[in-house]
Amino acid sequence: MATTTLFDPAQAGVLALAGATQFSEAGIVSRTVLDQDGVRVTLFAFAAGQQLTEHATPARALIQVLGGTAEFTVAGVRHTLHAGDLLHLPPGAPHAVQAPEAFSMLLTLVRRPAAPAR
């Protein structure tokens, strides 16, 4: 089953992130912007009070806060991020997210290329 993305991977395009962000009063909304060639870009909107418990991913992650304030705990260290801040997470870094207020972010995951078949 094909994943629906906001960009057609075969076409150039422009996306107004503020207009594409969808908030829910009591949840987290994610929308896949692009998922192609080992790169996945996802637009997230967190309602105030929402959280993601500690987890890790094997991909490299870049988190750009678009609006609001977010609390990221990375390997036990808390970081308060505001609109315009960029957070880098190397592969495997344990992290958690809390939303003291509504916030939006753009998550870019860069997966390692698969090893060539032998």
N, C-alpha and C. Protein backbone atom coordinates (compact mmCIF):
# COMPACT_ATOMS: atom_id res chain seq x y z
N MET A 1 0.84 -1.18 0.00
CA MET A 1 0.00 0.00 0.00
C MET A 1 0.89 1.24 0.00
N ALA A 2 0.64 2.16 -0.88
CA ALA A 2 1.44 3.38 -1.00
C ALA A 2 1.09 4.36 0.12
N THR A 3 2.12 5.03 0.62
CA THR A 3 1.92 6.05 1.64
C THR A 3 1.57 7.36 0.95
N THR A 4 0.56 8.05 1.46
CA THR A 4 0.20 9.34 0.90
C THR A 4 1.12 10.40 1.52
N THR A 5 1.74 11.20 0.66
CA THR A 5 2.62 12.26 1.13
C THR A 5 2.12 13.60 0.60
N LEU A 6 2.53 14.67 1.27
CA LEU A 6 2.10 16.00 0.85
C LEU A 6 2.80 16.43 -0.44
N PHE A 7 3.99 15.90 -0.70
CA PHE A 7 4.68 16.15 -1.96
C PHE A 7 4.61 14.91 -2.83
N ASP A 8 4.46 15.10 -4.10
CA ASP A 8 4.62 14.03 -5.08
C ASP A 8 6.13 13.91 -5.30
N PRO A 9 6.74 12.76 -5.02
CA PRO A 9 8.20 12.65 -5.13
C PRO A 9 8.72 12.85 -6.55
N ALA A 10 7.87 12.79 -7.55
CA ALA A 10 8.31 12.96 -8.93
C ALA A 10 8.16 14.40 -9.43
N GLN A 11 7.63 15.29 -8.57
CA GLN A 11 7.36 16.66 -9.00
C GLN A 11 8.00 17.66 -8.05
N ALA A 12 8.47 18.78 -8.60
CA ALA A 12 8.90 19.90 -7.75
C ALA A 12 7.65 20.52 -7.14
N GLY A 13 7.78 21.13 -5.97
CA GLY A 13 6.61 21.73 -5.35
C GLY A 13 6.97 22.66 -4.21
N VAL A 14 5.99 23.41 -3.79
CA VAL A 14 6.11 24.33 -2.66
C VAL A 14 5.01 23.97 -1.67
N LEU A 15 5.34 23.99 -0.38
CA LEU A 15 4.37 23.68 0.66
C LEU A 15 4.42 24.76 1.73
N ALA A 16 3.29 25.37 2.00
CA ALA A 16 3.19 26.33 3.10
C ALA A 16 3.00 25.52 4.38
N LEU A 17 4.06 25.41 5.19
CA LEU A 17 4.02 24.54 6.37
C LEU A 17 2.96 24.98 7.37
N ALA A 18 2.80 26.28 7.56
CA ALA A 18 1.79 26.75 8.52
C ALA A 18 0.40 26.30 8.10
N GLY A 19 0.11 26.36 6.82
CA GLY A 19 -1.20 25.95 6.32
C GLY A 19 -1.39 24.44 6.33
N ALA A 20 -0.30 23.68 6.21
CA ALA A 20 -0.38 22.22 6.18
C ALA A 20 -0.43 21.61 7.58
N THR A 21 -0.08 22.40 8.60
CA THR A 21 -0.08 21.90 9.97
C THR A 21 -1.51 21.77 10.47
N GLN A 22 -1.85 20.59 10.99
CA GLN A 22 -3.19 20.32 11.50
C GLN A 22 -3.11 19.99 12.98
N PHE A 23 -3.68 20.83 13.82
CA PHE A 23 -3.70 20.60 15.26
C PHE A 23 -4.97 19.88 15.67
N SER A 24 -4.85 19.06 16.70
CA SER A 24 -5.99 18.43 17.37
C SER A 24 -5.97 18.95 18.80
N GLU A 25 -7.12 19.20 19.38
CA GLU A 25 -7.15 19.76 20.74
C GLU A 25 -6.58 18.83 21.79
N ALA A 26 -6.57 17.54 21.52
CA ALA A 26 -6.14 16.60 22.56
C ALA A 26 -5.24 15.50 22.00
N GLY A 27 -4.34 15.85 21.08
CA GLY A 27 -3.51 14.80 20.52
C GLY A 27 -2.33 15.31 19.76
N ILE A 28 -1.75 14.39 19.00
CA ILE A 28 -0.61 14.66 18.15
C ILE A 28 -1.02 14.30 16.73
N VAL A 29 -0.82 15.21 15.82
CA VAL A 29 -1.16 14.95 14.41
C VAL A 29 0.14 14.94 13.61
N SER A 30 0.32 13.90 12.81
CA SER A 30 1.51 13.83 11.95
C SER A 30 1.05 13.69 10.50
N ARG A 31 1.80 14.35 9.62
CA ARG A 31 1.54 14.28 8.18
C ARG A 31 2.87 14.07 7.47
N THR A 32 2.96 13.06 6.64
CA THR A 32 4.18 12.79 5.92
C THR A 32 4.30 13.76 4.75
N VAL A 33 5.39 14.49 4.75
CA VAL A 33 5.65 15.45 3.68
C VAL A 33 6.28 14.73 2.49
N LEU A 34 7.28 13.90 2.78
CA LEU A 34 8.00 13.17 1.73
C LEU A 34 8.64 11.94 2.35
N ASP A 35 8.62 10.83 1.64
CA ASP A 35 9.28 9.60 2.08
C ASP A 35 9.89 8.95 0.84
N GLN A 36 11.17 9.25 0.60
CA GLN A 36 11.80 8.82 -0.63
C GLN A 36 13.30 8.68 -0.43
N ASP A 37 13.88 7.65 -1.00
CA ASP A 37 15.34 7.48 -1.07
C ASP A 37 16.03 7.61 0.29
N GLY A 38 15.45 7.00 1.32
CA GLY A 38 16.08 7.00 2.63
C GLY A 38 15.86 8.23 3.46
N VAL A 39 15.04 9.17 2.98
CA VAL A 39 14.73 10.39 3.74
C VAL A 39 13.23 10.45 3.96
N ARG A 40 12.84 10.65 5.21
CA ARG A 40 11.42 10.80 5.55
C ARG A 40 11.26 12.13 6.27
N VAL A 41 10.37 12.99 5.76
CA VAL A 41 10.10 14.29 6.36
C VAL A 41 8.65 14.27 6.83
N THR A 42 8.45 14.57 8.12
CA THR A 42 7.12 14.51 8.71
C THR A 42 6.83 15.80 9.45
N LEU A 43 5.64 16.32 9.25
CA LEU A 43 5.16 17.51 9.92
C LEU A 43 4.32 17.08 11.11
N PHE A 44 4.67 17.56 12.31
CA PHE A 44 3.97 17.20 13.53
C PHE A 44 3.33 18.42 14.18
N ALA A 45 2.17 18.22 14.79
CA ALA A 45 1.51 19.24 15.61
C ALA A 45 1.12 18.58 16.93
N PHE A 46 1.61 19.11 18.03
CA PHE A 46 1.33 18.59 19.37
C PHE A 46 0.38 19.54 20.09
N ALA A 47 -0.66 19.01 20.69
CA ALA A 47 -1.51 19.80 21.57
C ALA A 47 -0.78 19.99 22.90
N ALA A 48 -1.09 21.06 23.61
CA ALA A 48 -0.48 21.30 24.92
C ALA A 48 -0.72 20.09 25.82
N GLY A 49 0.34 19.69 26.53
CA GLY A 49 0.24 18.56 27.46
C GLY A 49 0.54 17.21 26.86
N GLN A 50 0.68 17.12 25.55
CA GLN A 50 0.99 15.83 24.92
C GLN A 50 2.46 15.48 25.12
N GLN A 51 2.76 14.19 25.01
CA GLN A 51 4.14 13.76 25.14
C GLN A 51 4.39 12.47 24.39
N LEU A 52 5.64 12.25 24.07
CA LEU A 52 6.12 10.97 23.56
C LEU A 52 7.14 10.47 24.57
N THR A 53 6.94 9.26 25.07
CA THR A 53 7.86 8.71 26.04
C THR A 53 9.20 8.39 25.37
N GLU A 54 10.19 8.13 26.19
CA GLU A 54 11.54 7.91 25.67
C GLU A 54 11.56 6.78 24.64
N HIS A 55 12.23 7.05 23.54
CA HIS A 55 12.37 6.09 22.45
C HIS A 55 13.63 6.45 21.67
N ALA A 56 13.98 5.62 20.71
CA ALA A 56 15.14 5.87 19.86
C ALA A 56 14.81 5.35 18.47
N THR A 57 15.55 5.82 17.50
CA THR A 57 15.39 5.36 16.12
C THR A 57 16.78 5.07 15.55
N PRO A 58 16.87 4.11 14.66
CA PRO A 58 18.17 3.85 14.04
C PRO A 58 18.55 4.90 12.98
N ALA A 59 17.64 5.82 12.70
CA ALA A 59 17.91 6.87 11.70
C ALA A 59 18.48 8.11 12.37
N ARG A 60 19.20 8.91 11.61
CA ARG A 60 19.64 10.23 12.05
C ARG A 60 18.41 11.13 11.98
N ALA A 61 18.23 12.02 12.97
CA ALA A 61 17.04 12.87 13.01
C ALA A 61 17.43 14.34 13.16
N LEU A 62 16.72 15.18 12.43
CA LEU A 62 16.80 16.63 12.58
C LEU A 62 15.40 17.11 12.89
N ILE A 63 15.25 17.85 13.98
CA ILE A 63 13.96 18.37 14.40
C ILE A 63 14.02 19.89 14.36
N GLN A 64 13.16 20.48 13.55
CA GLN A 64 13.07 21.94 13.47
C GLN A 64 11.74 22.36 14.07
N VAL A 65 11.79 23.14 15.13
CA VAL A 65 10.56 23.64 15.74
C VAL A 65 10.05 24.80 14.90
N LEU A 66 8.79 24.69 14.47
CA LEU A 66 8.19 25.70 13.61
C LEU A 66 7.42 26.75 14.40
N GLY A 67 6.76 26.33 15.47
CA GLY A 67 5.98 27.25 16.28
C GLY A 67 5.79 26.68 17.68
N GLY A 68 5.67 27.57 18.67
CA GLY A 68 5.46 27.13 20.05
C GLY A 68 6.76 26.75 20.73
N THR A 69 6.63 26.03 21.84
CA THR A 69 7.76 25.61 22.66
C THR A 69 7.66 24.12 22.93
N ALA A 70 8.79 23.43 22.86
CA ALA A 70 8.85 21.98 23.10
C ALA A 70 9.96 21.67 24.09
N GLU A 71 9.77 20.63 24.85
CA GLU A 71 10.80 20.12 25.77
C GLU A 71 11.26 18.77 25.24
N PHE A 72 12.52 18.70 24.84
CA PHE A 72 13.12 17.44 24.39
C PHE A 72 14.12 17.00 25.45
N THR A 73 14.02 15.77 25.87
CA THR A 73 15.02 15.18 26.75
C THR A 73 15.82 14.20 25.91
N VAL A 74 17.12 14.45 25.81
CA VAL A 74 18.01 13.63 24.99
C VAL A 74 19.08 13.05 25.90
N ALA A 75 19.09 11.72 26.01
CA ALA A 75 20.06 11.02 26.86
C ALA A 75 20.08 11.64 28.26
N GLY A 76 18.90 11.95 28.79
CA GLY A 76 18.77 12.47 30.15
C GLY A 76 18.94 13.97 30.30
N VAL A 77 19.27 14.68 29.23
CA VAL A 77 19.47 16.13 29.30
C VAL A 77 18.28 16.83 28.66
N ARG A 78 17.65 17.74 29.41
CA ARG A 78 16.46 18.46 28.91
C ARG A 78 16.88 19.70 28.12
N HIS A 79 16.21 19.88 26.98
CA HIS A 79 16.42 21.04 26.11
C HIS A 79 15.07 21.69 25.84
N THR A 80 14.98 22.99 26.06
CA THR A 80 13.77 23.74 25.71
C THR A 80 14.00 24.35 24.34
N LEU A 81 13.15 23.98 23.39
CA LEU A 81 13.29 24.44 22.02
C LEU A 81 12.14 25.38 21.66
N HIS A 82 12.46 26.40 20.89
CA HIS A 82 11.49 27.40 20.46
C HIS A 82 11.47 27.45 18.93
N ALA A 83 10.49 28.16 18.38
CA ALA A 83 10.39 28.30 16.93
C ALA A 83 11.74 28.77 16.36
N GLY A 84 12.19 28.07 15.33
CA GLY A 84 13.46 28.40 14.70
C GLY A 84 14.62 27.55 15.19
N ASP A 85 14.45 26.83 16.31
CA ASP A 85 15.54 25.98 16.83
C ASP A 85 15.59 24.67 16.05
N LEU A 86 16.80 24.13 15.93
CA LEU A 86 17.05 22.88 15.23
C LEU A 86 17.80 21.94 16.16
N LEU A 87 17.29 20.73 16.30
CA LEU A 87 17.91 19.71 17.16
C LEU A 87 18.39 18.56 16.29
N HIS A 88 19.63 18.13 16.51
CA HIS A 88 20.19 16.97 15.81
C HIS A 88 20.24 15.80 16.78
N LEU A 89 19.75 14.64 16.33
CA LEU A 89 19.83 13.41 17.11
C LEU A 89 20.57 12.37 16.28
N PRO A 90 21.74 11.92 16.75
CA PRO A 90 22.42 10.86 16.02
C PRO A 90 21.63 9.55 16.13
N PRO A 91 21.88 8.60 15.25
CA PRO A 91 21.16 7.33 15.31
C PRO A 91 21.28 6.69 16.70
N GLY A 92 20.17 6.19 17.19
CA GLY A 92 20.14 5.49 18.47
C GLY A 92 20.05 6.37 19.70
N ALA A 93 20.02 7.69 19.56
CA ALA A 93 19.96 8.58 20.73
C ALA A 93 18.61 8.47 21.42
N PRO A 94 18.58 8.09 22.70
CA PRO A 94 17.30 8.02 23.41
C PRO A 94 16.77 9.43 23.65
N HIS A 95 15.48 9.63 23.37
CA HIS A 95 14.89 10.95 23.52
C HIS A 95 13.40 10.85 23.83
N ALA A 96 12.88 11.90 24.46
CA ALA A 96 11.46 12.01 24.78
C ALA A 96 11.04 13.43 24.46
N VAL A 97 9.73 13.63 24.27
CA VAL A 97 9.19 14.95 23.89
C VAL A 97 8.02 15.27 24.78
N GLN A 98 7.97 16.52 25.26
CA GLN A 98 6.82 17.03 26.02
C GLN A 98 6.41 18.36 25.43
N ALA A 99 5.10 18.62 25.43
CA ALA A 99 4.56 19.86 24.89
C ALA A 99 3.97 20.69 26.03
N PRO A 100 4.74 21.63 26.61
CA PRO A 100 4.18 22.48 27.66
C PRO A 100 3.12 23.42 27.09
N GLU A 101 3.18 23.64 25.78
CA GLU A 101 2.17 24.40 25.05
C GLU A 101 2.06 23.77 23.66
N ALA A 102 1.05 24.14 22.92
CA ALA A 102 0.93 23.61 21.56
C ALA A 102 2.18 24.01 20.77
N PHE A 103 2.70 23.07 19.99
CA PHE A 103 3.85 23.39 19.15
C PHE A 103 3.81 22.53 17.90
N SER A 104 4.53 22.99 16.88
CA SER A 104 4.66 22.22 15.64
C SER A 104 6.14 22.06 15.32
N MET A 105 6.44 20.99 14.61
CA MET A 105 7.83 20.72 14.25
C MET A 105 7.89 19.95 12.95
N LEU A 106 9.03 20.04 12.31
CA LEU A 106 9.32 19.28 11.11
C LEU A 106 10.43 18.29 11.46
N LEU A 107 10.15 17.01 11.29
CA LEU A 107 11.11 15.95 11.60
C LEU A 107 11.65 15.40 10.29
N THR A 108 12.97 15.39 10.15
CA THR A 108 13.63 14.79 8.99
C THR A 108 14.44 13.61 9.49
N LEU A 109 14.10 12.42 8.99
CA LEU A 109 14.84 11.20 9.32
C LEU A 109 15.66 10.80 8.11
N VAL A 110 16.94 10.55 8.34
CA VAL A 110 17.85 10.12 7.28
C VAL A 110 18.29 8.71 7.64
N ARG A 111 17.79 7.76 6.87
CA ARG A 111 18.11 6.36 7.13
C ARG A 111 19.38 5.98 6.38
N ARG A 112 20.14 5.09 6.98
CA ARG A 112 21.35 4.60 6.33
C ARG A 112 20.97 3.81 5.09
N PRO A 113 21.73 3.98 4.03
CA PRO A 113 21.43 3.17 2.83
C PRO A 113 21.63 1.69 3.15
N ALA A 114 20.81 0.89 2.54
CA ALA A 114 20.92 -0.57 2.73
C ALA A 114 22.25 -1.06 2.16
N ALA A 115 22.80 -2.05 2.82
CA ALA A 115 24.06 -2.63 2.33
C ALA A 115 23.79 -3.33 1.00
N PRO A 116 24.73 -3.22 0.06
CA PRO A 116 24.52 -3.87 -1.24
C PRO A 116 24.41 -5.39 -1.08
N ALA A 117 23.54 -5.99 -1.88
CA ALA A 117 23.38 -7.45 -1.85
C ALA A 117 24.62 -8.12 -2.43
N ARG A 118 24.98 -9.22 -1.86
CA ARG A 118 26.18 -9.95 -2.34
C ARG A 118 25.78 -11.26 -2.93
